[in-house]
N, C-alpha and C. Protein backbone atom coordinates (compact mmCIF):
# COMPACT_ATOMS: atom_id res chain seq x y z
N UNK A 1 1.01 -1.05 0.22
CA UNK A 1 0.70 -0.48 -0.23
C UNK A 1 1.22 1.01 0.02
N UNK A 2 0.62 2.34 -0.49
CA UNK A 2 0.88 3.47 -1.22
C UNK A 2 0.88 4.45 0.40
N UNK A 3 1.66 5.30 0.46
CA UNK A 3 1.74 5.69 1.59
C UNK A 3 2.27 7.72 0.71
N UNK A 4 1.20 8.73 0.94
CA UNK A 4 1.35 9.84 0.72
C UNK A 4 1.60 11.58 1.70
N UNK A 5 2.49 11.82 1.42
CA UNK A 5 2.03 13.00 3.01
C UNK A 5 2.16 14.57 1.85
N UNK A 6 0.42 14.68 2.25
CA UNK A 6 0.26 16.36 1.89
C UNK A 6 0.52 17.51 2.83
N UNK A 7 2.21 18.00 2.03
CA UNK A 7 2.56 19.37 3.30
C UNK A 7 1.74 21.13 2.39
N UNK A 8 1.59 21.40 3.48
CA UNK A 8 0.90 22.21 3.17
C UNK A 8 -0.58 22.56 3.50
N UNK A 9 -1.10 22.37 4.05
CA UNK A 9 -2.85 22.11 3.96
C UNK A 9 -3.32 22.71 4.51
N UNK A 10 -3.98 23.48 4.12
CA UNK A 10 -4.50 24.72 5.04
C UNK A 10 -4.90 24.82 6.22
N UNK A 11 -4.87 25.38 7.50
CA UNK A 11 -5.67 25.12 8.47
C UNK A 11 -7.00 24.73 8.07
N UNK A 12 -7.64 25.46 7.48
CA UNK A 12 -8.81 25.37 7.68
C UNK A 12 -9.78 24.16 6.38
N UNK A 13 -9.35 23.53 5.64
CA UNK A 13 -8.39 22.53 4.83
C UNK A 13 -8.96 20.97 5.47
N UNK A 14 -7.54 21.62 6.99
CA UNK A 14 -7.73 20.64 7.63
C UNK A 14 -8.92 19.93 8.39
N UNK A 15 -9.75 21.08 8.71
CA UNK A 15 -11.03 21.77 9.34
C UNK A 15 -11.61 21.10 8.86
N UNK A 16 -12.21 21.44 7.69
CA UNK A 16 -13.15 20.83 6.98
C UNK A 16 -13.25 19.42 6.99
N UNK A 17 -11.92 18.78 6.30
CA UNK A 17 -12.11 17.44 6.00
C UNK A 17 -12.30 16.95 7.35
N UNK A 18 -11.85 17.37 9.13
CA UNK A 18 -12.27 15.85 10.27
C UNK A 18 -13.69 16.47 9.98
N UNK A 19 -13.89 17.52 9.72
CA UNK A 19 -15.15 17.81 10.27
C UNK A 19 -16.36 16.61 9.14
N UNK A 20 -16.33 16.88 7.76
CA UNK A 20 -16.93 16.18 6.68
C UNK A 20 -16.38 13.91 7.01
N UNK A 21 -15.29 13.87 7.72
CA UNK A 21 -15.31 12.98 8.32
C UNK A 21 -16.06 12.36 9.32
N UNK A 22 -16.40 13.08 10.08
CA UNK A 22 -17.17 13.33 11.36
C UNK A 22 -18.77 12.98 11.47
N UNK A 23 -19.55 13.45 10.25
CA UNK A 23 -20.26 13.43 9.06
C UNK A 23 -20.87 12.36 8.55
N UNK A 24 -19.86 11.30 8.51
CA UNK A 24 -19.76 10.22 7.40
C UNK A 24 -19.16 9.30 8.27
N UNK A 25 -19.10 9.38 9.79
CA UNK A 25 -18.35 8.94 10.58
C UNK A 25 -16.57 7.93 10.70
N UNK A 26 -16.04 8.47 10.17
CA UNK A 26 -15.57 8.19 10.08
C UNK A 26 -13.97 8.81 10.24
N UNK A 27 -12.33 7.62 9.87
CA UNK A 27 -11.68 9.03 10.71
C UNK A 27 -11.34 9.82 9.21
N UNK A 28 -10.63 10.55 9.42
CA UNK A 28 -9.83 11.75 8.58
C UNK A 28 -9.71 11.16 7.79
N UNK A 29 -8.43 10.01 7.92
CA UNK A 29 -7.17 9.38 7.32
C UNK A 29 -8.88 8.87 5.97
N UNK A 30 -8.50 8.39 6.52
CA UNK A 30 -10.38 7.53 6.26
C UNK A 30 -11.12 8.11 5.32
N UNK A 31 -11.85 8.82 5.95
CA UNK A 31 -12.14 10.69 4.30
C UNK A 31 -11.77 11.18 3.68
N UNK A 32 -9.95 11.04 4.18
CA UNK A 32 -9.71 11.37 2.26
C UNK A 32 -8.30 10.65 2.03
N UNK A 33 -9.19 9.20 1.70
CA UNK A 33 -8.67 7.89 1.17
C UNK A 33 -9.93 8.12 0.30
N UNK A 34 -11.63 8.54 1.42
CA UNK A 34 -12.39 8.37 -0.03
C UNK A 34 -12.49 9.25 -1.14
N UNK A 35 -12.19 10.20 -1.17
CA UNK A 35 -12.14 11.36 -1.76
C UNK A 35 -11.28 10.59 -3.03
N UNK A 36 -10.27 10.79 -2.57
CA UNK A 36 -8.67 10.50 -3.50
C UNK A 36 -9.76 9.67 -4.88
N UNK A 37 -10.11 7.96 -4.01
CA UNK A 37 -10.48 7.37 -5.00
C UNK A 37 -11.93 7.85 -5.90
N UNK A 38 -12.49 8.65 -5.15
CA UNK A 38 -13.40 8.75 -5.88
C UNK A 38 -13.32 9.62 -6.85
N UNK A 39 -12.26 10.39 -6.26
CA UNK A 39 -11.62 11.81 -7.50
C UNK A 39 -10.90 10.82 -8.60
N UNK A 40 -10.04 10.24 -8.51
CA UNK A 40 -9.94 9.61 -9.39
C UNK A 40 -10.85 8.45 -9.92
N UNK A 41 -11.45 7.37 -9.74
CA UNK A 41 -11.27 6.18 -10.00
C UNK A 41 -13.33 6.50 -9.44
N UNK A 42 -13.86 7.43 -10.39
CA UNK A 42 -15.14 7.67 -9.68
C UNK A 42 -16.11 6.15 -10.48
N UNK A 43 -17.12 5.99 -9.98
CA UNK A 43 -17.92 4.26 -9.90
C UNK A 43 -18.04 4.23 -11.36
N UNK A 44 -18.77 5.67 -11.67
CA UNK A 44 -19.17 5.35 -13.02
C UNK A 44 -18.71 6.01 -14.16
N UNK A 45 -17.48 5.65 -13.45
CA UNK A 45 -17.22 4.72 -15.24
C UNK A 45 -17.31 4.40 -16.04
N UNK A 46 -16.41 4.93 -16.79
CA UNK A 46 -16.38 3.42 -18.27
C UNK A 46 -15.23 2.71 -18.40
N UNK A 47 -14.86 1.69 -18.69
CA UNK A 47 -14.28 1.86 -18.86
C UNK A 47 -14.09 0.93 -20.20
N UNK A 48 -12.18 0.91 -21.05
CA UNK A 48 -11.89 0.92 -21.63
C UNK A 48 -12.41 -0.08 -23.26
N UNK A 49 -12.69 -1.47 -22.36
CA UNK A 49 -13.15 -2.90 -23.28
C UNK A 49 -14.50 -2.04 -23.58
N UNK A 50 -15.34 -1.80 -21.81
CA UNK A 50 -16.57 -1.50 -22.32
C UNK A 50 -17.03 -1.03 -22.90
N UNK A 51 -16.25 0.03 -23.21
CA UNK A 51 -16.49 1.35 -23.93
C UNK A 51 -16.17 0.66 -25.42
N UNK A 52 -14.94 0.22 -26.55
CA UNK A 52 -15.04 -0.39 -27.61
C UNK A 52 -15.97 -1.26 -27.31
N UNK A 53 -16.52 -2.17 -27.18
CA UNK A 53 -17.49 -2.82 -27.59
C UNK A 53 -19.23 -1.84 -27.27
N UNK A 54 -18.98 -1.14 -26.60
CA UNK A 54 -21.28 -0.48 -27.30
C UNK A 54 -20.51 -0.10 -29.00
N UNK A 55 -19.33 0.96 -28.71
CA UNK A 55 -18.82 1.40 -29.99
C UNK A 55 -19.33 0.34 -31.10
N UNK A 56 -18.45 -1.32 -31.00
CA UNK A 56 -19.49 -1.79 -31.61
C UNK A 56 -20.53 -1.85 -32.34
N UNK A 57 -21.56 -2.95 -30.98
CA UNK A 57 -22.94 -2.66 -31.64
C UNK A 57 -23.12 -1.60 -32.65
N UNK A 58 -22.92 0.20 -32.31
CA UNK A 58 -23.16 1.05 -32.54
C UNK A 58 -23.36 1.19 -33.84
N UNK A 59 -22.34 1.11 -34.15
CA UNK A 59 -21.72 0.46 -35.81
C UNK A 59 -22.53 -0.35 -35.84
N UNK A 60 -22.55 -1.51 -36.01
CA UNK A 60 -23.23 -3.10 -36.64
C UNK A 60 -22.52 -3.67 -37.12
N UNK A 61 -21.95 -3.11 -36.56
CA UNK A 61 -20.55 -4.33 -37.96
C UNK A 61 -19.49 -5.05 -36.65
N UNK A 62 -19.88 -4.98 -36.25
CA UNK A 62 -19.08 -6.47 -34.76
C UNK A 62 -19.50 -6.54 -33.57
N UNK A 63 -20.70 -7.21 -33.31
CA UNK A 63 -21.15 -8.03 -31.91
C UNK A 63 -20.20 -8.78 -30.97
N UNK A 64 -19.95 -8.16 -30.18
CA UNK A 64 -18.86 -9.09 -28.83
C UNK A 64 -19.38 -9.41 -27.74
N UNK A 65 -19.33 -9.69 -27.83
CA UNK A 65 -19.90 -10.86 -26.68
C UNK A 65 -18.51 -10.89 -25.88
N UNK A 66 -18.20 -10.78 -24.26
CA UNK A 66 -17.24 -10.74 -24.19
C UNK A 66 -17.03 -11.51 -22.36
N UNK A 67 -16.92 -11.89 -22.19
CA UNK A 67 -16.60 -12.96 -20.77
C UNK A 67 -14.99 -12.36 -20.23
N UNK A 68 -15.09 -12.36 -19.02
CA UNK A 68 -13.28 -11.37 -18.70
C UNK A 68 -13.43 -12.41 -18.22
N UNK A 69 -11.81 -12.97 -18.12
CA UNK A 69 -11.44 -13.27 -17.22
C UNK A 69 -11.07 -12.67 -15.77
N UNK A 70 -12.08 -13.17 -14.70
CA UNK A 70 -11.81 -12.96 -13.69
C UNK A 70 -10.41 -14.08 -12.23
N UNK A 71 -9.25 -14.84 -13.12
CA UNK A 71 -8.47 -15.40 -12.46
C UNK A 71 -7.68 -14.40 -12.16
N UNK A 72 -7.51 -15.11 -10.35
CA UNK A 72 -6.40 -14.01 -9.90
C UNK A 72 -5.02 -14.30 -11.35
N UNK A 73 -3.63 -13.17 -11.16
CA UNK A 73 -2.79 -13.19 -12.19
C UNK A 73 -1.74 -14.10 -10.91
N UNK A 74 -0.89 -15.01 -11.43
CA UNK A 74 0.01 -15.63 -10.54
C UNK A 74 1.42 -14.69 -11.36
N UNK A 75 2.17 -14.05 -10.10
CA UNK A 75 3.54 -13.42 -10.70
C UNK A 75 4.43 -14.11 -10.44
N UNK A 76 5.26 -13.64 -12.35
CA UNK A 76 6.53 -14.23 -12.38
C UNK A 76 7.36 -14.94 -11.53
N UNK A 77 8.32 -15.81 -11.96
CA UNK A 77 9.62 -16.08 -11.37
C UNK A 77 10.17 -15.85 -11.45
N UNK A 78 11.64 -15.51 -11.56
CA UNK A 78 13.02 -15.27 -12.05
C UNK A 78 13.70 -15.79 -11.20
N UNK A 79 13.13 -18.05 -11.07
CA UNK A 79 14.26 -18.29 -11.09
C UNK A 79 14.53 -19.25 -11.56
């Protein structure tokens, strides 16, 4: 898990984060994680594969049925 340090955060912003965290019954750190996650990876984002499949259906050239492989990937061994 990565660690991020935010320097020079205005005190007013920190107080607002603490108040928002309290409203959501989370720690300030958990609230910051929640805000960042939703800012960069929103739940309603369209993923590239889904977008390409939709484009293919709209132009009616290709019908794509996608069965995504959701099995875990084994890390490479360099031994």
